[in-house]
Structures are given as C-alpha cells and as structure tokens.
Amino acid sequence: MKSQFFLGIAGNIGSGKSSLTTKLAKQYNFMPFFESVEDNPYLSDFYKDMNRWSFHLQVYFLSSRFHQQNKLDKLNKSIIMDRTIYEDAEIFAKNLNVINMLDDRDYKNYLALYEEMTSFLKVPDLLIYLRASVPTLVRQIQLRGREYESSISIEYLNRLNELYETWISNYDKGPKLIIETDDLDFVNLEEDFGKVLKMVDGRLFGMFPM
C-alpha cells in the first residue's frame, strides 16, 4: 500500500495543465504545485525578444522547478505538479537551441545544470501527458487572455508539439498516461472530467492500490 504519491502533469502551452492540476488535487486531496507564471520576471520580456531573454528564462524555470520538487522529500503529503522539470530541458530549451535563440554554449551550460539537478529529484509515480492539437491550444490560450501570450505563433506551438511527441514517446523514467484532450472539456463538463478521472484512477491505483 502506497501512502504518498507524486503526479506530474505535462503538456504544451494551453493544454489545460493548471486546470487539471487544480481539479485532481481537489479530488484526491493532493497538494498542488503550480508553474511560476504571474511572478516570473522574464516571461513577458521573453515573448517580446526571445534571443535576448531565452537563457535567463530557462534558468529561472529550471531553478524554480528544482526548488519546488526538492520540497517533496520534506513533505509528508501527496503532490501533484503543474509541468515537470523534464519539459524545461527536453522541450523548451531544446527548441530554443534548435531555432538558434539559445546558442550552443549556453545550452550546454544549461544541460549540465539540468542533469545535476535532476539527479537529486524524485521521479513522478505517474506522468500525465495532455495531448492537444494546435487549434485546441490556440483556442484555450485565447480564452484565458494572458497578454504576454498574445504573440505566441502557431509555428512556435507546432514545433513544441513535435518535441513533446518525441519526448513522450521516449519517456522511460516511470509510468505515463497520455490523455487526448481535443474532444474533452474537463474544465467545464463534469462528464468529461469523470472520463479523465477514470483513466487516472485506473492507471495510478492499478499500480499502487489504496
């Protein structure tokens, strides 16, 4: 019998990670950890000038995520995290390097920090990946209306989706669950949330009976 769980919610910008984190945390009485967005000192500048701020942003996210996950060992509670530290390196930093907005020297330095940090961290008991098409992402980004996200291009979201698909297909650090979200509205429709909950229940508690 397992008494403490660590769930990670992964997915592209606008895929519904924060919403699902909130709903699952309430359902299971888990402690939620959210991605630092509103108090991020680089995010707005990054979307205006990616070349100038890419390294600063990625190091900030890496440091913030490490600080969050490092708390897990000290808390006698089950945890659910909005976005994982793996996505920072495998998706966002890699994309910036590929499109020459994060040069090879900075990227190599960043990866060295990432490898060192993740060697000290727990792996999620279950990684939940929210798969969404670009039209779904665009619609949900527009609905939440964050000003700094208004300049995100379809091309950028598409590149991230491609990297996500490569990463999740090769993810082998622990169990994973892929949820197709294009035809689900788990935020507003209880029936759809029930479908998601059934999938998570079956995967998580099938491995670790309560």
N, C-alpha and C. Protein backbone atom coordinates (compact mmCIF):
# COMPACT_ATOMS: atom_id res chain seq x y z
N MET A 1 0.85 -1.19 0.00
CA MET A 1 0.00 0.00 0.00
C MET A 1 0.89 1.24 0.00
N LYS A 2 0.63 2.17 -0.90
CA LYS A 2 1.40 3.39 -1.01
C LYS A 2 0.60 4.53 -0.39
N SER A 3 1.22 5.33 0.47
CA SER A 3 0.51 6.40 1.16
C SER A 3 0.79 7.77 0.57
N GLN A 4 1.89 7.92 -0.14
CA GLN A 4 2.23 9.20 -0.74
C GLN A 4 2.46 9.04 -2.24
N PHE A 5 1.92 9.99 -3.00
CA PHE A 5 2.03 9.93 -4.45
C PHE A 5 2.64 11.22 -4.98
N PHE A 6 3.28 11.09 -6.13
CA PHE A 6 3.80 12.25 -6.85
C PHE A 6 3.32 12.15 -8.29
N LEU A 7 2.41 13.04 -8.68
CA LEU A 7 1.89 13.09 -10.05
C LEU A 7 2.47 14.31 -10.76
N GLY A 8 2.89 14.12 -12.01
CA GLY A 8 3.34 15.23 -12.84
C GLY A 8 2.38 15.41 -14.00
N ILE A 9 1.98 16.65 -14.26
CA ILE A 9 1.10 16.95 -15.39
C ILE A 9 1.92 17.65 -16.46
N ALA A 10 2.03 17.05 -17.63
CA ALA A 10 2.85 17.58 -18.72
C ALA A 10 1.96 17.96 -19.90
N GLY A 11 2.44 18.94 -20.69
CA GLY A 11 1.70 19.33 -21.88
C GLY A 11 2.09 20.70 -22.37
N ASN A 12 1.75 20.97 -23.60
CA ASN A 12 2.10 22.23 -24.25
C ASN A 12 1.37 23.41 -23.61
N ILE A 13 1.76 24.61 -23.99
CA ILE A 13 1.11 25.83 -23.53
C ILE A 13 -0.36 25.79 -23.94
N GLY A 14 -1.26 25.96 -22.97
CA GLY A 14 -2.68 25.96 -23.28
C GLY A 14 -3.34 24.59 -23.30
N SER A 15 -2.63 23.55 -22.89
CA SER A 15 -3.20 22.20 -22.95
C SER A 15 -4.12 21.89 -21.77
N GLY A 16 -4.12 22.73 -20.74
CA GLY A 16 -5.02 22.52 -19.60
C GLY A 16 -4.34 21.97 -18.36
N LYS A 17 -3.03 22.09 -18.28
CA LYS A 17 -2.27 21.52 -17.14
C LYS A 17 -2.71 22.10 -15.80
N SER A 18 -2.77 23.42 -15.72
CA SER A 18 -3.12 24.06 -14.44
C SER A 18 -4.54 23.69 -14.00
N SER A 19 -5.45 23.67 -14.96
CA SER A 19 -6.84 23.32 -14.63
C SER A 19 -6.95 21.89 -14.14
N LEU A 20 -6.26 20.97 -14.81
CA LEU A 20 -6.33 19.57 -14.38
C LEU A 20 -5.61 19.38 -13.05
N THR A 21 -4.51 20.08 -12.86
CA THR A 21 -3.81 20.01 -11.57
C THR A 21 -4.73 20.43 -10.44
N THR A 22 -5.47 21.51 -10.65
CA THR A 22 -6.40 22.01 -9.63
C THR A 22 -7.49 21.00 -9.32
N LYS A 23 -8.08 20.43 -10.38
CA LYS A 23 -9.21 19.53 -10.18
C LYS A 23 -8.77 18.20 -9.57
N LEU A 24 -7.64 17.66 -10.01
CA LEU A 24 -7.16 16.40 -9.44
C LEU A 24 -6.70 16.58 -7.99
N ALA A 25 -6.07 17.72 -7.71
CA ALA A 25 -5.63 17.98 -6.34
C ALA A 25 -6.82 18.00 -5.38
N LYS A 26 -7.91 18.62 -5.83
CA LYS A 26 -9.12 18.67 -5.01
C LYS A 26 -9.74 17.28 -4.88
N GLN A 27 -9.77 16.55 -5.99
CA GLN A 27 -10.38 15.21 -5.99
C GLN A 27 -9.65 14.26 -5.06
N TYR A 28 -8.32 14.27 -5.12
CA TYR A 28 -7.51 13.30 -4.37
C TYR A 28 -6.97 13.85 -3.04
N ASN A 29 -7.23 15.14 -2.80
CA ASN A 29 -6.66 15.80 -1.62
C ASN A 29 -5.12 15.77 -1.66
N PHE A 30 -4.58 16.04 -2.85
CA PHE A 30 -3.13 16.16 -3.03
C PHE A 30 -2.75 17.63 -2.94
N MET A 31 -1.50 17.90 -2.59
CA MET A 31 -1.01 19.27 -2.57
C MET A 31 -0.56 19.68 -3.97
N PRO A 32 -1.15 20.75 -4.55
CA PRO A 32 -0.75 21.16 -5.89
C PRO A 32 0.45 22.10 -5.88
N PHE A 33 1.31 21.93 -6.87
CA PHE A 33 2.40 22.87 -7.12
C PHE A 33 2.22 23.40 -8.54
N PHE A 34 2.15 24.73 -8.66
CA PHE A 34 1.88 25.33 -9.96
C PHE A 34 3.12 25.99 -10.53
N GLU A 35 3.16 26.00 -11.87
CA GLU A 35 4.24 26.66 -12.57
C GLU A 35 4.24 28.15 -12.23
N SER A 36 5.41 28.69 -11.96
CA SER A 36 5.53 30.10 -11.62
C SER A 36 5.39 30.94 -12.89
N VAL A 37 4.24 31.60 -13.04
CA VAL A 37 3.96 32.37 -14.25
C VAL A 37 3.77 33.85 -13.93
N GLU A 38 2.80 34.14 -13.08
CA GLU A 38 2.46 35.54 -12.81
C GLU A 38 3.63 36.31 -12.20
N ASP A 39 4.46 35.65 -11.39
CA ASP A 39 5.58 36.34 -10.76
C ASP A 39 6.90 36.09 -11.49
N ASN A 40 6.82 35.56 -12.71
CA ASN A 40 8.03 35.29 -13.48
C ASN A 40 8.58 36.60 -14.02
N PRO A 41 9.82 36.97 -13.66
CA PRO A 41 10.36 38.27 -14.07
C PRO A 41 10.83 38.33 -15.52
N TYR A 42 10.82 37.19 -16.23
CA TYR A 42 11.37 37.15 -17.58
C TYR A 42 10.35 36.84 -18.67
N LEU A 43 9.20 36.29 -18.31
CA LEU A 43 8.31 35.72 -19.31
C LEU A 43 7.81 36.74 -20.33
N SER A 44 7.36 37.88 -19.85
CA SER A 44 6.85 38.90 -20.76
C SER A 44 7.95 39.39 -21.70
N ASP A 45 9.13 39.63 -21.15
CA ASP A 45 10.25 40.09 -21.98
C ASP A 45 10.66 39.01 -22.99
N PHE A 46 10.59 37.75 -22.57
CA PHE A 46 10.97 36.65 -23.44
C PHE A 46 10.11 36.61 -24.71
N TYR A 47 8.79 36.75 -24.56
CA TYR A 47 7.91 36.68 -25.72
C TYR A 47 8.10 37.88 -26.65
N LYS A 48 8.66 38.96 -26.12
CA LYS A 48 8.95 40.14 -26.96
C LYS A 48 10.30 40.02 -27.66
N ASP A 49 11.28 39.37 -27.00
CA ASP A 49 12.63 39.26 -27.55
C ASP A 49 13.24 37.95 -27.08
N MET A 50 12.96 36.86 -27.80
CA MET A 50 13.40 35.53 -27.37
C MET A 50 14.92 35.39 -27.37
N ASN A 51 15.57 36.01 -28.34
CA ASN A 51 17.04 35.91 -28.38
C ASN A 51 17.68 36.49 -27.13
N ARG A 52 17.17 37.60 -26.69
CA ARG A 52 17.77 38.31 -25.55
C ARG A 52 17.54 37.58 -24.23
N TRP A 53 16.35 36.99 -24.06
CA TRP A 53 15.96 36.52 -22.74
C TRP A 53 15.83 35.00 -22.61
N SER A 54 16.14 34.24 -23.63
CA SER A 54 15.91 32.80 -23.59
C SER A 54 16.68 32.09 -22.49
N PHE A 55 17.98 32.38 -22.36
CA PHE A 55 18.78 31.70 -21.35
C PHE A 55 18.30 32.07 -19.95
N HIS A 56 18.02 33.35 -19.72
CA HIS A 56 17.55 33.81 -18.41
C HIS A 56 16.25 33.10 -18.02
N LEU A 57 15.33 33.02 -19.00
CA LEU A 57 14.04 32.40 -18.73
C LEU A 57 14.20 30.92 -18.38
N GLN A 58 15.01 30.21 -19.17
CA GLN A 58 15.15 28.78 -18.94
C GLN A 58 15.84 28.48 -17.61
N VAL A 59 16.81 29.26 -17.24
CA VAL A 59 17.46 29.06 -15.94
C VAL A 59 16.49 29.37 -14.81
N TYR A 60 15.67 30.39 -15.00
CA TYR A 60 14.67 30.71 -13.97
C TYR A 60 13.70 29.54 -13.78
N PHE A 61 13.17 29.01 -14.89
CA PHE A 61 12.24 27.88 -14.79
C PHE A 61 12.93 26.67 -14.15
N LEU A 62 14.14 26.40 -14.55
CA LEU A 62 14.88 25.26 -14.02
C LEU A 62 15.07 25.39 -12.51
N SER A 63 15.50 26.56 -12.08
CA SER A 63 15.72 26.82 -10.66
C SER A 63 14.42 26.73 -9.88
N SER A 64 13.36 27.32 -10.42
CA SER A 64 12.07 27.32 -9.75
C SER A 64 11.51 25.91 -9.61
N ARG A 65 11.62 25.13 -10.68
CA ARG A 65 11.11 23.77 -10.66
C ARG A 65 11.92 22.89 -9.69
N PHE A 66 13.22 23.06 -9.71
CA PHE A 66 14.06 22.29 -8.80
C PHE A 66 13.71 22.62 -7.35
N HIS A 67 13.54 23.89 -7.06
CA HIS A 67 13.18 24.31 -5.70
C HIS A 67 11.85 23.69 -5.28
N GLN A 68 10.88 23.67 -6.19
CA GLN A 68 9.58 23.07 -5.88
C GLN A 68 9.71 21.57 -5.60
N GLN A 69 10.34 20.86 -6.54
CA GLN A 69 10.41 19.41 -6.40
C GLN A 69 11.29 18.98 -5.24
N ASN A 70 12.25 19.80 -4.90
CA ASN A 70 13.13 19.47 -3.79
C ASN A 70 12.38 19.45 -2.46
N LYS A 71 11.23 20.12 -2.44
CA LYS A 71 10.40 20.13 -1.23
C LYS A 71 9.71 18.78 -1.00
N LEU A 72 9.61 17.98 -2.05
CA LEU A 72 8.83 16.75 -1.95
C LEU A 72 9.32 15.82 -0.86
N ASP A 73 10.64 15.72 -0.73
CA ASP A 73 11.21 14.81 0.27
C ASP A 73 10.88 15.26 1.70
N LYS A 74 10.59 16.54 1.86
CA LYS A 74 10.37 17.09 3.19
C LYS A 74 8.89 17.15 3.57
N LEU A 75 8.02 16.85 2.62
CA LEU A 75 6.59 16.94 2.88
C LEU A 75 5.98 15.55 3.02
N ASN A 76 5.22 15.36 4.05
CA ASN A 76 4.55 14.09 4.27
C ASN A 76 3.17 14.12 3.63
N LYS A 77 3.15 14.50 2.35
CA LYS A 77 1.88 14.64 1.64
C LYS A 77 2.04 14.16 0.20
N SER A 78 0.91 13.84 -0.42
CA SER A 78 0.92 13.54 -1.84
C SER A 78 0.93 14.83 -2.64
N ILE A 79 1.63 14.80 -3.76
CA ILE A 79 1.91 16.01 -4.55
C ILE A 79 1.42 15.83 -5.98
N ILE A 80 0.91 16.92 -6.55
CA ILE A 80 0.64 16.95 -7.98
C ILE A 80 1.24 18.23 -8.54
N MET A 81 2.05 18.11 -9.60
CA MET A 81 2.81 19.24 -10.12
C MET A 81 2.39 19.62 -11.53
N ASP A 82 2.13 20.92 -11.71
CA ASP A 82 1.80 21.51 -13.00
C ASP A 82 3.09 21.75 -13.77
N ARG A 83 3.35 20.92 -14.76
CA ARG A 83 4.55 20.86 -15.60
C ARG A 83 5.73 20.29 -14.81
N THR A 84 6.53 19.49 -15.48
CA THR A 84 7.67 18.82 -14.87
C THR A 84 8.98 19.48 -15.30
N ILE A 85 10.00 19.23 -14.53
CA ILE A 85 11.32 19.79 -14.83
C ILE A 85 11.88 19.22 -16.14
N TYR A 86 11.43 18.02 -16.51
CA TYR A 86 11.93 17.39 -17.74
C TYR A 86 11.54 18.20 -18.98
N GLU A 87 10.35 18.78 -18.93
CA GLU A 87 9.89 19.56 -20.08
C GLU A 87 10.73 20.80 -20.32
N ASP A 88 11.24 21.38 -19.24
CA ASP A 88 12.08 22.57 -19.39
C ASP A 88 13.26 22.29 -20.32
N ALA A 89 13.90 21.16 -20.11
CA ALA A 89 15.09 20.83 -20.90
C ALA A 89 14.74 20.15 -22.21
N GLU A 90 13.85 19.16 -22.15
CA GLU A 90 13.57 18.33 -23.32
C GLU A 90 12.70 19.02 -24.37
N ILE A 91 11.96 20.03 -23.97
CA ILE A 91 11.07 20.71 -24.90
C ILE A 91 11.51 22.16 -25.14
N PHE A 92 11.44 22.98 -24.11
CA PHE A 92 11.58 24.42 -24.30
C PHE A 92 13.02 24.86 -24.57
N ALA A 93 13.95 24.39 -23.77
CA ALA A 93 15.35 24.75 -24.02
C ALA A 93 15.84 24.14 -25.33
N LYS A 94 15.46 22.90 -25.59
CA LYS A 94 15.88 22.25 -26.84
C LYS A 94 15.34 23.00 -28.05
N ASN A 95 14.09 23.43 -27.98
CA ASN A 95 13.51 24.17 -29.09
C ASN A 95 14.27 25.47 -29.33
N LEU A 96 14.59 26.19 -28.26
CA LEU A 96 15.31 27.45 -28.42
C LEU A 96 16.69 27.24 -29.02
N ASN A 97 17.32 26.13 -28.68
CA ASN A 97 18.62 25.83 -29.26
C ASN A 97 18.49 25.49 -30.74
N VAL A 98 17.49 24.70 -31.09
CA VAL A 98 17.29 24.30 -32.48
C VAL A 98 17.05 25.50 -33.38
N ILE A 99 16.31 26.49 -32.88
CA ILE A 99 15.99 27.66 -33.72
C ILE A 99 16.99 28.80 -33.50
N ASN A 100 18.12 28.47 -32.86
CA ASN A 100 19.23 29.42 -32.70
C ASN A 100 18.89 30.65 -31.86
N MET A 101 18.00 30.46 -30.90
CA MET A 101 17.71 31.52 -29.94
C MET A 101 18.36 31.26 -28.59
N LEU A 102 18.99 30.10 -28.48
CA LEU A 102 19.81 29.75 -27.32
C LEU A 102 21.06 29.10 -27.88
N ASP A 103 22.19 29.80 -27.81
CA ASP A 103 23.38 29.30 -28.50
C ASP A 103 23.93 28.04 -27.85
N ASP A 104 24.78 27.34 -28.55
CA ASP A 104 25.28 26.04 -28.11
C ASP A 104 26.01 26.12 -26.78
N ARG A 105 26.76 27.20 -26.56
CA ARG A 105 27.49 27.34 -25.31
C ARG A 105 26.53 27.45 -24.12
N ASP A 106 25.52 28.31 -24.24
CA ASP A 106 24.54 28.46 -23.16
C ASP A 106 23.73 27.19 -22.97
N TYR A 107 23.39 26.54 -24.08
CA TYR A 107 22.60 25.31 -24.00
C TYR A 107 23.38 24.20 -23.29
N LYS A 108 24.66 24.08 -23.60
CA LYS A 108 25.50 23.08 -22.95
C LYS A 108 25.60 23.36 -21.45
N ASN A 109 25.76 24.61 -21.10
CA ASN A 109 25.81 25.01 -19.69
C ASN A 109 24.49 24.69 -19.00
N TYR A 110 23.39 25.01 -19.67
CA TYR A 110 22.06 24.73 -19.13
C TYR A 110 21.85 23.24 -18.90
N LEU A 111 22.22 22.41 -19.87
CA LEU A 111 22.03 20.97 -19.74
C LEU A 111 22.85 20.38 -18.60
N ALA A 112 24.05 20.93 -18.38
CA ALA A 112 24.87 20.47 -17.26
C ALA A 112 24.17 20.74 -15.93
N LEU A 113 23.56 21.91 -15.81
CA LEU A 113 22.80 22.24 -14.61
C LEU A 113 21.60 21.31 -14.46
N TYR A 114 20.91 21.08 -15.55
CA TYR A 114 19.72 20.22 -15.56
C TYR A 114 20.06 18.78 -15.12
N GLU A 115 21.10 18.21 -15.69
CA GLU A 115 21.49 16.84 -15.34
C GLU A 115 21.86 16.73 -13.87
N GLU A 116 22.57 17.71 -13.37
CA GLU A 116 22.98 17.69 -11.96
C GLU A 116 21.76 17.81 -11.05
N MET A 117 20.87 18.72 -11.37
CA MET A 117 19.70 18.95 -10.53
C MET A 117 18.77 17.74 -10.51
N THR A 118 18.48 17.19 -11.68
CA THR A 118 17.52 16.09 -11.74
C THR A 118 18.05 14.82 -11.08
N SER A 119 19.36 14.70 -10.92
CA SER A 119 19.91 13.52 -10.25
C SER A 119 19.52 13.47 -8.78
N PHE A 120 19.07 14.59 -8.22
CA PHE A 120 18.68 14.65 -6.82
C PHE A 120 17.17 14.55 -6.61
N LEU A 121 16.41 14.48 -7.69
CA LEU A 121 14.95 14.60 -7.58
C LEU A 121 14.24 13.27 -7.76
N LYS A 122 13.06 13.18 -7.13
CA LYS A 122 12.18 12.03 -7.32
C LYS A 122 11.61 12.04 -8.72
N VAL A 123 11.32 10.86 -9.22
CA VAL A 123 10.62 10.70 -10.49
C VAL A 123 9.12 10.56 -10.18
N PRO A 124 8.23 11.17 -10.98
CA PRO A 124 6.80 11.03 -10.71
C PRO A 124 6.34 9.58 -10.70
N ASP A 125 5.44 9.27 -9.75
CA ASP A 125 4.82 7.94 -9.75
C ASP A 125 4.00 7.75 -11.02
N LEU A 126 3.45 8.85 -11.53
CA LEU A 126 2.72 8.81 -12.79
C LEU A 126 2.87 10.15 -13.48
N LEU A 127 3.29 10.11 -14.73
CA LEU A 127 3.36 11.31 -15.57
C LEU A 127 2.14 11.32 -16.48
N ILE A 128 1.34 12.37 -16.40
CA ILE A 128 0.14 12.51 -17.23
C ILE A 128 0.43 13.53 -18.31
N TYR A 129 0.37 13.10 -19.57
CA TYR A 129 0.62 13.99 -20.70
C TYR A 129 -0.69 14.36 -21.37
N LEU A 130 -0.98 15.66 -21.44
CA LEU A 130 -2.18 16.15 -22.09
C LEU A 130 -1.85 16.47 -23.54
N ARG A 131 -2.31 15.61 -24.43
CA ARG A 131 -2.04 15.80 -25.86
C ARG A 131 -3.14 16.67 -26.47
N ALA A 132 -2.73 17.75 -27.13
CA ALA A 132 -3.70 18.67 -27.75
C ALA A 132 -3.16 19.15 -29.08
N SER A 133 -4.05 19.28 -30.05
CA SER A 133 -3.65 19.81 -31.35
C SER A 133 -3.44 21.32 -31.25
N VAL A 134 -2.77 21.88 -32.23
CA VAL A 134 -2.50 23.33 -32.21
C VAL A 134 -3.79 24.15 -32.19
N PRO A 135 -4.83 23.83 -32.99
CA PRO A 135 -6.08 24.61 -32.89
C PRO A 135 -6.67 24.61 -31.48
N THR A 136 -6.60 23.48 -30.79
CA THR A 136 -7.09 23.43 -29.41
C THR A 136 -6.25 24.33 -28.51
N LEU A 137 -4.94 24.28 -28.67
CA LEU A 137 -4.05 25.12 -27.87
C LEU A 137 -4.34 26.60 -28.10
N VAL A 138 -4.48 26.98 -29.37
CA VAL A 138 -4.74 28.39 -29.71
C VAL A 138 -6.05 28.85 -29.09
N ARG A 139 -7.08 28.04 -29.21
CA ARG A 139 -8.39 28.40 -28.65
C ARG A 139 -8.31 28.61 -27.14
N GLN A 140 -7.61 27.71 -26.45
CA GLN A 140 -7.55 27.81 -24.99
C GLN A 140 -6.64 28.94 -24.54
N ILE A 141 -5.60 29.23 -25.29
CA ILE A 141 -4.75 30.37 -24.98
C ILE A 141 -5.54 31.67 -25.13
N GLN A 142 -6.33 31.76 -26.18
CA GLN A 142 -7.14 32.96 -26.40
C GLN A 142 -8.20 33.13 -25.31
N LEU A 143 -8.78 32.02 -24.87
CA LEU A 143 -9.82 32.09 -23.84
C LEU A 143 -9.28 32.62 -22.52
N ARG A 144 -8.05 32.26 -22.16
CA ARG A 144 -7.53 32.74 -20.87
C ARG A 144 -6.97 34.15 -20.96
N GLY A 145 -6.68 34.63 -22.16
CA GLY A 145 -6.42 36.04 -22.38
C GLY A 145 -5.22 36.64 -21.68
N ARG A 146 -4.13 35.89 -21.54
CA ARG A 146 -2.92 36.46 -20.95
C ARG A 146 -2.21 37.32 -22.00
N GLU A 147 -1.96 38.56 -21.67
CA GLU A 147 -1.40 39.50 -22.64
C GLU A 147 -0.06 39.04 -23.19
N TYR A 148 0.80 38.50 -22.30
CA TYR A 148 2.14 38.13 -22.75
C TYR A 148 2.12 36.90 -23.68
N GLU A 149 0.98 36.18 -23.74
CA GLU A 149 0.87 35.04 -24.64
C GLU A 149 0.28 35.41 -26.00
N SER A 150 -0.11 36.65 -26.16
CA SER A 150 -0.79 37.05 -27.39
C SER A 150 0.12 36.98 -28.62
N SER A 151 1.43 37.01 -28.39
CA SER A 151 2.37 36.99 -29.52
C SER A 151 2.88 35.58 -29.85
N ILE A 152 2.39 34.56 -29.15
CA ILE A 152 2.82 33.19 -29.43
C ILE A 152 2.30 32.78 -30.81
N SER A 153 3.18 32.31 -31.66
CA SER A 153 2.80 31.97 -33.02
C SER A 153 2.36 30.51 -33.13
N ILE A 154 1.58 30.23 -34.16
CA ILE A 154 1.17 28.86 -34.44
C ILE A 154 2.39 28.01 -34.75
N GLU A 155 3.35 28.58 -35.44
CA GLU A 155 4.58 27.85 -35.77
C GLU A 155 5.32 27.42 -34.50
N TYR A 156 5.38 28.32 -33.54
CA TYR A 156 6.05 28.02 -32.26
C TYR A 156 5.34 26.87 -31.54
N LEU A 157 4.02 26.94 -31.46
CA LEU A 157 3.25 25.88 -30.80
C LEU A 157 3.41 24.55 -31.51
N ASN A 158 3.46 24.59 -32.84
CA ASN A 158 3.61 23.37 -33.62
C ASN A 158 4.97 22.72 -33.37
N ARG A 159 6.03 23.54 -33.30
CA ARG A 159 7.36 23.00 -33.00
C ARG A 159 7.40 22.37 -31.61
N LEU A 160 6.77 23.03 -30.66
CA LEU A 160 6.73 22.47 -29.30
C LEU A 160 5.98 21.15 -29.29
N ASN A 161 4.86 21.08 -30.02
CA ASN A 161 4.10 19.84 -30.08
C ASN A 161 4.94 18.70 -30.65
N GLU A 162 5.71 18.99 -31.68
CA GLU A 162 6.56 17.96 -32.27
C GLU A 162 7.60 17.46 -31.26
N LEU A 163 8.18 18.38 -30.50
CA LEU A 163 9.16 17.98 -29.49
C LEU A 163 8.49 17.19 -28.36
N TYR A 164 7.28 17.59 -28.00
CA TYR A 164 6.55 16.86 -26.96
C TYR A 164 6.29 15.42 -27.40
N GLU A 165 5.91 15.24 -28.65
CA GLU A 165 5.61 13.89 -29.13
C GLU A 165 6.86 13.01 -29.13
N THR A 166 7.97 13.58 -29.51
CA THR A 166 9.23 12.82 -29.46
C THR A 166 9.60 12.48 -28.03
N TRP A 167 9.47 13.46 -27.15
CA TRP A 167 9.85 13.24 -25.75
C TRP A 167 8.96 12.20 -25.07
N ILE A 168 7.63 12.33 -25.24
CA ILE A 168 6.74 11.42 -24.51
C ILE A 168 6.85 10.00 -25.05
N SER A 169 7.15 9.86 -26.32
CA SER A 169 7.29 8.51 -26.88
C SER A 169 8.54 7.82 -26.34
N ASN A 170 9.53 8.60 -25.93
CA ASN A 170 10.78 8.03 -25.41
C ASN A 170 10.88 8.09 -23.88
N TYR A 171 9.87 8.66 -23.23
CA TYR A 171 9.93 8.82 -21.77
C TYR A 171 9.94 7.45 -21.09
N ASP A 172 10.97 7.19 -20.30
CA ASP A 172 11.09 5.88 -19.65
C ASP A 172 11.52 5.99 -18.19
N LYS A 173 11.31 7.16 -17.60
CA LYS A 173 11.70 7.34 -16.20
C LYS A 173 10.69 6.72 -15.24
N GLY A 174 9.48 6.48 -15.72
CA GLY A 174 8.44 5.90 -14.89
C GLY A 174 7.16 5.74 -15.68
N PRO A 175 6.06 5.33 -15.03
CA PRO A 175 4.78 5.15 -15.71
C PRO A 175 4.25 6.46 -16.30
N LYS A 176 3.52 6.35 -17.41
CA LYS A 176 2.95 7.54 -18.05
C LYS A 176 1.54 7.24 -18.53
N LEU A 177 0.76 8.29 -18.63
CA LEU A 177 -0.62 8.20 -19.13
C LEU A 177 -0.81 9.34 -20.13
N ILE A 178 -1.19 9.01 -21.36
CA ILE A 178 -1.43 10.02 -22.39
C ILE A 178 -2.93 10.22 -22.52
N ILE A 179 -3.38 11.46 -22.38
CA ILE A 179 -4.80 11.79 -22.48
C ILE A 179 -5.02 12.67 -23.70
N GLU A 180 -5.87 12.22 -24.61
CA GLU A 180 -6.22 13.01 -25.80
C GLU A 180 -7.28 14.04 -25.39
N THR A 181 -6.96 15.33 -25.53
CA THR A 181 -7.84 16.36 -24.96
C THR A 181 -8.66 17.15 -25.98
N ASP A 182 -8.44 16.92 -27.28
CA ASP A 182 -9.15 17.72 -28.28
C ASP A 182 -10.66 17.64 -28.14
N ASP A 183 -11.17 16.49 -27.77
CA ASP A 183 -12.62 16.30 -27.68
C ASP A 183 -13.10 16.23 -26.23
N LEU A 184 -12.28 16.74 -25.31
CA LEU A 184 -12.65 16.76 -23.90
C LEU A 184 -12.68 18.18 -23.37
N ASP A 185 -13.65 18.49 -22.53
CA ASP A 185 -13.69 19.76 -21.80
C ASP A 185 -13.81 19.43 -20.33
N PHE A 186 -12.68 18.97 -19.76
CA PHE A 186 -12.73 18.53 -18.36
C PHE A 186 -12.82 19.70 -17.38
N VAL A 187 -12.67 20.92 -17.88
CA VAL A 187 -12.80 22.10 -17.01
C VAL A 187 -14.27 22.40 -16.75
N ASN A 188 -15.09 22.36 -17.79
CA ASN A 188 -16.48 22.80 -17.68
C ASN A 188 -17.50 21.66 -17.65
N LEU A 189 -17.11 20.49 -18.12
CA LEU A 189 -18.07 19.37 -18.19
C LEU A 189 -17.67 18.27 -17.22
N GLU A 190 -18.51 18.03 -16.24
CA GLU A 190 -18.20 17.02 -15.23
C GLU A 190 -18.11 15.62 -15.85
N GLU A 191 -18.90 15.38 -16.89
CA GLU A 191 -18.84 14.08 -17.55
C GLU A 191 -17.44 13.85 -18.15
N ASP A 192 -16.89 14.89 -18.75
CA ASP A 192 -15.55 14.77 -19.34
C ASP A 192 -14.48 14.64 -18.26
N PHE A 193 -14.64 15.38 -17.17
CA PHE A 193 -13.69 15.22 -16.07
C PHE A 193 -13.77 13.81 -15.50
N GLY A 194 -14.98 13.27 -15.46
CA GLY A 194 -15.15 11.90 -14.99
C GLY A 194 -14.40 10.91 -15.86
N LYS A 195 -14.36 11.15 -17.18
CA LYS A 195 -13.61 10.27 -18.08
C LYS A 195 -12.11 10.34 -17.76
N VAL A 196 -11.63 11.54 -17.54
CA VAL A 196 -10.21 11.72 -17.19
C VAL A 196 -9.91 11.05 -15.86
N LEU A 197 -10.78 11.26 -14.90
CA LEU A 197 -10.59 10.69 -13.57
C LEU A 197 -10.55 9.17 -13.62
N LYS A 198 -11.39 8.58 -14.44
CA LYS A 198 -11.41 7.12 -14.58
C LYS A 198 -10.08 6.62 -15.13
N MET A 199 -9.51 7.34 -16.10
CA MET A 199 -8.22 6.96 -16.66
C MET A 199 -7.11 7.06 -15.62
N VAL A 200 -7.11 8.16 -14.87
CA VAL A 200 -6.07 8.37 -13.86
C VAL A 200 -6.21 7.34 -12.73
N ASP A 201 -7.43 7.13 -12.27
CA ASP A 201 -7.68 6.12 -11.23
C ASP A 201 -7.16 4.76 -11.65
N GLY A 202 -7.52 4.36 -12.86
CA GLY A 202 -7.13 3.04 -13.33
C GLY A 202 -5.63 2.88 -13.43
N ARG A 203 -4.97 3.92 -13.88
CA ARG A 203 -3.51 3.85 -14.06
C ARG A 203 -2.78 3.95 -12.74
N LEU A 204 -3.16 4.92 -11.92
CA LEU A 204 -2.44 5.17 -10.67
C LEU A 204 -2.72 4.10 -9.63
N PHE A 205 -3.98 3.85 -9.37
CA PHE A 205 -4.32 2.92 -8.29
C PHE A 205 -4.27 1.47 -8.74
N GLY A 206 -4.15 1.26 -10.05
CA GLY A 206 -3.87 -0.08 -10.53
C GLY A 206 -2.45 -0.51 -10.19
N MET A 207 -1.55 0.51 -10.18
CA MET A 207 -0.15 0.22 -9.82
C MET A 207 0.05 0.22 -8.31
N PHE A 208 -0.67 1.16 -7.64
CA PHE A 208 -0.47 1.34 -6.21
C PHE A 208 -1.82 1.28 -5.50
N PRO A 209 -2.36 0.11 -5.20
CA PRO A 209 -3.66 0.01 -4.55
C PRO A 209 -3.70 0.78 -3.24
N MET A 210 -4.83 1.44 -3.00
CA MET A 210 -5.00 2.19 -1.74
C MET A 210 -5.33 1.23 -0.61
